[in-house]
Amino acid sequence: MFKIIKIKKGYTVIELIITLVIILTIFIIVEPMLKINRCNLKIFSAKLCQEIRNIRIINMTEDSLYYIVIKKDRYFVKRGIATLKTEYLDSNLILLDNFDDGALDYSIIHFNHNGMPSYAGTVRIKDINTGKYMEITIIPVTGRVLLKGEIFK
């Protein structure tokens, strides 16, 4: 007449093992992608830093007008009005800087014949997915270009 219903409480060992295997499999798939993104961030930061240093040295040694135009998704190396090189960022990276007041959608990095920058400031290369970034700082008076070697959060 009356049925006794047993209520099962908790999980079995097999259910826990299967859950752990699924979680570890997802981590194994995702983890290398995070390292690749960090590597791309470092490579692009070093490349841009070297470009800025080259522009500074060329403007000091030659009597030319070389400069870099920075946009959010790319930068251009220019001589006068001619574009010598265009570098596009990966889709997950953006360029941020504090060289202008934000009225324009681009900034210009230029050095005088004595190595002093027209505008000093910081360029950030930021990974949109993780929020991590690296900084390139241009010192006002000396014109030194510094790449901070660590990744900030």
Protein backbone atom coordinates (compact mmCIF):
# COMPACT_ATOMS: atom_id res chain seq x y z
CA MET A 1 0.00 0.00 0.00
CA PHE A 2 2.62 2.49 0.95
CA LYS A 3 5.72 2.64 -1.18
CA ILE A 4 9.01 3.43 0.42
CA ILE A 5 11.00 5.86 -1.71
CA LYS A 6 14.72 6.02 -1.13
CA ILE A 7 16.23 9.44 -1.74
CA LYS A 8 19.69 9.25 -3.17
CA LYS A 9 22.00 11.89 -1.67
CA GLY A 10 25.43 12.86 -2.97
CA TYR A 11 27.43 11.80 -5.99
CA THR A 12 29.16 8.57 -6.79
CA VAL A 13 32.89 8.38 -7.29
CA ILE A 14 32.45 7.70 -11.00
CA GLU A 15 30.36 10.87 -11.45
CA LEU A 16 33.05 12.93 -9.74
CA ILE A 17 35.83 11.40 -11.85
CA ILE A 18 33.92 12.06 -15.08
CA THR A 19 33.33 15.69 -14.04
CA LEU A 20 37.02 16.19 -13.25
CA VAL A 21 38.06 14.64 -16.57
CA ILE A 22 35.76 17.03 -18.47
CA ILE A 23 37.10 20.07 -16.58
CA LEU A 24 40.74 19.04 -17.11
CA THR A 25 40.12 18.43 -20.82
CA ILE A 26 38.71 21.94 -21.21
CA PHE A 27 41.69 23.40 -19.33
CA ILE A 28 44.17 21.48 -21.50
CA ILE A 29 42.54 22.90 -24.63
CA VAL A 30 42.34 26.52 -23.41
CA GLU A 31 45.67 26.88 -21.57
CA PRO A 32 47.98 26.94 -24.65
CA MET A 33 45.81 29.65 -26.22
CA LEU A 34 46.42 31.87 -23.19
CA LYS A 35 50.18 31.42 -23.56
CA ILE A 36 50.00 32.25 -27.28
CA ASN A 37 48.10 35.47 -26.54
CA ARG A 38 50.70 36.48 -23.94
CA CYS A 39 53.49 35.71 -26.41
CA ASN A 40 51.81 37.78 -29.15
CA LEU A 41 51.51 40.67 -26.71
CA LYS A 42 55.22 40.55 -25.90
CA ILE A 43 56.29 40.17 -29.54
CA PHE A 44 54.18 43.06 -30.78
CA SER A 45 55.30 45.30 -27.89
CA ALA A 46 58.96 44.62 -28.63
CA LYS A 47 58.42 45.25 -32.35
CA LEU A 48 56.70 48.60 -31.78
CA CYS A 49 59.34 49.66 -29.26
CA GLN A 50 62.10 48.90 -31.76
CA GLU A 51 60.27 50.86 -34.48
CA ILE A 52 60.03 53.91 -32.19
CA ARG A 53 63.73 53.65 -31.32
CA ASN A 54 64.63 53.37 -35.02
CA ILE A 55 62.59 56.49 -35.85
CA ARG A 56 64.42 58.38 -33.12
CA ILE A 57 67.86 57.32 -34.37
CA ILE A 58 67.02 58.03 -38.02
CA ASN A 59 65.73 61.52 -37.21
CA MET A 60 68.92 62.20 -35.24
CA THR A 61 71.30 60.99 -37.98
CA GLU A 62 69.47 62.05 -41.15
CA ASP A 63 67.73 65.29 -41.91
CA SER A 64 64.39 63.61 -42.59
CA LEU A 65 60.91 63.66 -41.23
CA TYR A 66 60.17 60.12 -40.07
CA TYR A 67 57.33 59.51 -37.64
CA ILE A 68 54.85 56.88 -36.46
CA VAL A 69 51.09 57.25 -36.64
CA ILE A 70 49.27 55.18 -34.00
CA LYS A 71 45.67 54.05 -34.35
CA LYS A 72 43.82 51.57 -32.13
CA ASP A 73 44.26 48.59 -34.45
CA ARG A 74 47.50 49.42 -36.32
CA TYR A 75 50.43 51.78 -36.70
CA PHE A 76 52.13 53.34 -39.72
CA VAL A 77 55.78 54.26 -40.21
CA LYS A 78 55.89 57.36 -42.41
CA ARG A 79 58.40 59.63 -44.07
CA GLY A 80 56.71 62.89 -44.92
CA ILE A 81 53.39 61.85 -46.44
CA ALA A 82 54.65 58.50 -47.77
CA THR A 83 53.72 55.38 -45.78
CA LEU A 84 56.73 53.09 -45.51
CA LYS A 85 55.23 50.35 -43.36
CA THR A 86 51.88 49.36 -41.89
CA GLU A 87 51.60 46.91 -39.00
CA TYR A 88 48.21 45.51 -38.01
CA LEU A 89 47.57 44.13 -34.54
CA ASP A 90 46.00 40.79 -33.80
CA SER A 91 42.24 40.97 -33.37
CA ASN A 92 42.53 40.69 -29.58
CA LEU A 93 45.08 43.54 -29.18
CA ILE A 94 44.55 47.32 -29.20
CA LEU A 95 46.87 50.32 -28.91
CA LEU A 96 46.15 52.99 -26.31
CA ASP A 97 48.20 56.14 -25.75
CA ASN A 98 48.15 59.48 -23.96
CA PHE A 99 49.83 61.64 -26.61
CA ASP A 100 46.80 63.77 -27.53
CA ASP A 101 43.59 65.06 -26.03
CA GLY A 102 41.45 62.41 -27.67
CA ALA A 103 40.03 64.71 -30.34
CA LEU A 104 41.63 62.68 -33.13
CA ASP A 105 41.42 58.93 -33.71
CA TYR A 106 45.20 58.72 -34.13
CA SER A 107 48.40 59.94 -32.47
CA ILE A 108 51.81 60.82 -33.87
CA ILE A 109 55.19 59.91 -32.39
CA HIS A 110 57.90 62.17 -33.77
CA PHE A 111 61.44 63.04 -32.66
CA ASN A 112 63.42 66.22 -33.37
CA HIS A 113 66.94 66.17 -34.84
CA ASN A 114 68.39 66.17 -31.30
CA GLY A 115 66.39 63.09 -30.21
CA MET A 116 63.76 64.90 -28.16
CA PRO A 117 60.18 63.78 -28.72
CA SER A 118 57.55 66.27 -29.85
CA TYR A 119 55.19 64.67 -27.34
CA ALA A 120 56.20 62.34 -24.54
CA GLY A 121 53.94 59.75 -23.04
CA THR A 122 53.01 56.11 -22.85
CA VAL A 123 51.75 53.62 -25.40
CA ARG A 124 49.86 50.60 -24.06
CA ILE A 125 49.43 47.41 -26.00
CA LYS A 126 46.40 45.78 -24.38
CA ASP A 127 44.91 42.32 -24.75
CA ILE A 128 41.14 42.83 -24.85
CA ASN A 129 40.33 39.27 -23.75
CA THR A 130 42.49 39.13 -20.62
CA GLY A 131 42.85 42.84 -19.80
CA LYS A 132 46.64 42.45 -19.59
CA TYR A 133 48.88 45.05 -21.19
CA MET A 134 52.47 46.15 -21.75
CA GLU A 135 53.74 49.72 -21.75
CA ILE A 136 56.21 51.63 -23.89
CA THR A 137 57.21 54.94 -22.30
CA ILE A 138 58.86 57.85 -24.11
CA ILE A 139 60.75 60.06 -21.64
CA PRO A 140 60.12 63.82 -22.21
CA VAL A 141 63.55 65.46 -22.16
CA THR A 142 65.91 62.65 -23.11
CA GLY A 143 63.68 60.91 -25.64
CA ARG A 144 64.58 57.48 -24.29
CA VAL A 145 62.17 54.74 -25.29
CA LEU A 146 61.54 52.20 -22.53
CA LEU A 147 59.68 48.93 -22.83
CA LYS A 148 58.58 47.74 -19.43
CA GLY A 149 59.39 44.04 -19.40
CA GLU A 150 56.47 42.85 -17.34
CA ILE A 151 52.86 42.25 -18.26
CA PHE A 152 50.44 44.34 -16.19
CA LYS A 153 46.89 43.41 -15.23
